[in-house]
C-alpha atoms as a PDB file:
ATOM      1  CA  MET A   1       0.000   0.000   0.000  1.00  0.00           C
ATOM      2  CA  PRO A   2       1.314   3.488  -0.803  1.00  0.00           C
ATOM      3  CA  THR A   3       2.376   5.480   2.245  1.00  0.00           C
ATOM      4  CA  PRO A   4      -0.454   7.759   3.402  1.00  0.00           C
ATOM      5  CA  MET A   5       0.673  11.280   4.273  1.00  0.00           C
ATOM      6  CA  LEU A   6      -0.678  14.192   6.290  1.00  0.00           C
ATOM      7  CA  CYS A   7       0.254  17.616   4.909  1.00  0.00           C
ATOM      8  CA  LEU A   8      -0.226  21.074   6.371  1.00  0.00           C
ATOM      9  CA  VAL A   9      -0.684  24.075   4.103  1.00  0.00           C
ATOM     10  CA  THR A  10      -1.478  27.602   5.296  1.00  0.00           C
ATOM     11  CA  THR A  11      -3.346  29.960   2.983  1.00  0.00           C
ATOM     12  CA  PRO A  12      -5.021  33.327   3.066  1.00  0.00           C
ATOM     13  CA  ARG A  13      -8.502  32.687   4.464  1.00  0.00           C
ATOM     14  CA  ALA A  14     -10.166  33.945   1.294  1.00  0.00           C
ATOM     15  CA  ASP A  15      -8.286  31.364  -0.814  1.00  0.00           C
ATOM     16  CA  ALA A  16      -8.724  28.276   1.377  1.00  0.00           C
ATOM     17  CA  ALA A  17     -11.845  26.792  -0.235  1.00  0.00           C
ATOM     18  CA  ARG A  18     -10.572  27.425  -3.768  1.00  0.00           C
ATOM     19  CA  ILE A  19      -7.241  25.731  -3.041  1.00  0.00           C
ATOM     20  CA  ALA A  20      -8.857  22.809  -1.192  1.00  0.00           C
ATOM     21  CA  ASP A  21     -11.310  22.262  -4.065  1.00  0.00           C
ATOM     22  CA  ALA A  22      -8.501  22.329  -6.629  1.00  0.00           C
ATOM     23  CA  ILE A  23      -6.439  19.782  -4.666  1.00  0.00           C
ATOM     24  CA  VAL A  24      -9.319  17.322  -4.301  1.00  0.00           C
ATOM     25  CA  THR A  25     -10.659  17.859  -7.845  1.00  0.00           C
ATOM     26  CA  ALA A  26      -7.176  17.103  -9.236  1.00  0.00           C
ATOM     27  CA  ARG A  27      -7.171  13.930  -7.083  1.00  0.00           C
ATOM     28  CA  GLU A  28      -3.950  15.021  -5.413  1.00  0.00           C
ATOM     29  CA  ALA A  29      -5.614  14.266  -2.067  1.00  0.00           C
ATOM     30  CA  ALA A  30      -8.504  12.220  -0.776  1.00  0.00           C
ATOM     31  CA  CYS A  31      -9.606  14.926   1.630  1.00  0.00           C
ATOM     32  CA  VAL A  32      -8.716  18.443   2.700  1.00  0.00           C
ATOM     33  CA  ASN A  33      -9.983  19.800   6.003  1.00  0.00           C
ATOM     34  CA  ILE A  34     -10.150  23.571   6.275  1.00  0.00           C
ATOM     35  CA  VAL A  35      -9.423  25.016   9.700  1.00  0.00           C
ATOM     36  CA  PRO A  36     -10.833  28.460   8.974  1.00  0.00           C
ATOM     37  CA  THR A  37      -8.733  30.582  11.303  1.00  0.00           C
ATOM     38  CA  VAL A  38      -5.226  30.184  12.630  1.00  0.00           C
ATOM     39  CA  ASP A  39      -3.141  33.033  13.958  1.00  0.00           C
ATOM     40  CA  SER A  40       0.292  32.826  12.361  1.00  0.00           C
ATOM     41  CA  VAL A  41       3.361  34.561  13.768  1.00  0.00           C
ATOM     42  CA  TYR A  42       6.484  34.246  11.607  1.00  0.00           C
ATOM     43  CA  TRP A  43       9.704  35.823  10.395  1.00  0.00           C
ATOM     44  CA  TRP A  44       9.467  37.376   6.954  1.00  0.00           C
ATOM     45  CA  GLU A  45      11.956  39.682   5.288  1.00  0.00           C
ATOM     46  CA  GLY A  46      13.728  40.538   8.524  1.00  0.00           C
ATOM     47  CA  LYS A  47      10.769  41.209  10.789  1.00  0.00           C
ATOM     48  CA  VAL A  48       8.070  39.435  12.733  1.00  0.00           C
ATOM     49  CA  GLU A  49       4.717  39.302  10.948  1.00  0.00           C
ATOM     50  CA  ARG A  50       1.244  38.310  12.178  1.00  0.00           C
ATOM     51  CA  ASP A  51      -1.580  37.110   9.952  1.00  0.00           C
ATOM     52  CA  GLU A  52      -4.923  35.385  10.240  1.00  0.00           C
ATOM     53  CA  GLU A  53      -4.747  32.461   7.855  1.00  0.00           C
ATOM     54  CA  ALA A  54      -6.582  29.222   7.177  1.00  0.00           C
ATOM     55  CA  LEU A  55      -4.937  25.846   7.692  1.00  0.00           C
ATOM     56  CA  LEU A  56      -5.480  23.078   5.174  1.00  0.00           C
ATOM     57  CA  VAL A  57      -5.025  19.550   6.516  1.00  0.00           C
ATOM     58  CA  VAL A  58      -4.398  17.457   3.416  1.00  0.00           C
ATOM     59  CA  LYS A  59      -4.607  13.657   3.325  1.00  0.00           C
ATOM     60  CA  THR A  60      -2.670  12.203   0.401  1.00  0.00           C
ATOM     61  CA  THR A  61       0.098   9.702  -0.350  1.00  0.00           C
ATOM     62  CA  GLU A  62       3.855   9.993  -0.564  1.00  0.00           C
ATOM     63  CA  GLU A  63       3.636   9.308  -4.285  1.00  0.00           C
ATOM     64  CA  ARG A  64       1.478  12.435  -4.810  1.00  0.00           C
ATOM     65  CA  LEU A  65       3.705  14.907  -2.915  1.00  0.00           C
ATOM     66  CA  ASP A  66       5.623  16.148  -5.958  1.00  0.00           C
ATOM     67  CA  SER A  67       2.477  16.713  -8.020  1.00  0.00           C
ATOM     68  CA  LEU A  68       0.759  18.341  -5.023  1.00  0.00           C
ATOM     69  CA  ARG A  69       3.721  20.715  -4.706  1.00  0.00           C
ATOM     70  CA  THR A  70       3.543  21.470  -8.437  1.00  0.00           C
ATOM     71  CA  LEU A  71      -0.182  22.226  -8.198  1.00  0.00           C
ATOM     72  CA  LEU A  72       0.375  24.513  -5.214  1.00  0.00           C
ATOM     73  CA  ASP A  73       3.131  26.314  -7.166  1.00  0.00           C
ATOM     74  CA  GLU A  74       0.494  27.088  -9.794  1.00  0.00           C
ATOM     75  CA  ILE A  75      -2.470  28.083  -7.592  1.00  0.00           C
ATOM     76  CA  HIS A  76      -1.167  29.275  -4.219  1.00  0.00           C
ATOM     77  CA  PRO A  77      -0.913  33.064  -3.873  1.00  0.00           C
ATOM     78  CA  TYR A  78       2.228  32.990  -1.669  1.00  0.00           C
ATOM     79  CA  ASP A  79       5.682  32.959  -3.273  1.00  0.00           C
ATOM     80  CA  VAL A  80       6.894  30.830  -0.351  1.00  0.00           C
ATOM     81  CA  PHE A  81       3.987  28.669   0.777  1.00  0.00           C
ATOM     82  CA  GLU A  82       3.919  26.188   3.623  1.00  0.00           C
ATOM     83  CA  LEU A  83       3.815  22.535   2.654  1.00  0.00           C
ATOM     84  CA  VAL A  84       4.863  20.282   5.514  1.00  0.00           C
ATOM     85  CA  ALA A  85       4.323  16.544   5.128  1.00  0.00           C
ATOM     86  CA  THR A  86       4.617  13.609   7.483  1.00  0.00           C
ATOM     87  CA  ALA A  87       3.872   9.934   7.048  1.00  0.00           C
ATOM     88  CA  ILE A  88       0.819   8.511   8.763  1.00  0.00           C
ATOM     89  CA  ASP A  89       2.239   5.504  10.602  1.00  0.00           C
ATOM     90  CA  ALA A  90      -0.976   4.252  12.168  1.00  0.00           C
ATOM     91  CA  GLY A  91      -4.701   4.846  12.123  1.00  0.00           C
ATOM     92  CA  ASN A  92      -7.985   3.340  11.022  1.00  0.00           C
ATOM     93  CA  ASP A  93      -6.895   0.835   8.358  1.00  0.00           C
ATOM     94  CA  ALA A  94     -10.080   1.316   6.336  1.00  0.00           C
ATOM     95  CA  TYR A  95      -9.568   5.106   6.332  1.00  0.00           C
ATOM     96  CA  LEU A  96      -5.932   4.795   5.303  1.00  0.00           C
ATOM     97  CA  ARG A  97      -6.902   2.443   2.442  1.00  0.00           C
ATOM     98  CA  TRP A  98      -9.552   4.979   1.396  1.00  0.00           C
ATOM     99  CA  ILE A  99      -6.909   7.727   1.219  1.00  0.00           C
ATOM    100  CA  THR A 100      -4.663   5.675  -1.050  1.00  0.00           C
ATOM    101  CA  ALA A 101      -7.588   4.532  -3.228  1.00  0.00           C
ATOM    102  CA  SER A 102      -8.908   8.073  -3.655  1.00  0.00           C
ATOM    103  CA  VAL A 103      -5.819   9.726  -5.111  1.00  0.00           C
ATOM    104  CA  ARG A 104      -4.870   9.091  -8.714  1.00  0.00           C
END
């Protein structure tokens, strides 16, 4: 079975649904949860910034990471966007099989 992955992507709140829809429609992920508001504090261009963003929790497979990154390069409004991925080592077996069956 392909390795299921959990990815985190932050976006401007206004773009979250559009990006989530594009990811799922392209079958780059089985599911994207939108956490509508996260307060982000980060270094950018030499100073501390604060923004209200949305957090996308993306369920995909290791095999789809490169194409997911390519899609985000095309549709994400940030020049440097967050894409952090980690393998899902354990969980509901039926759910993990569904993730791998749902991506192309």
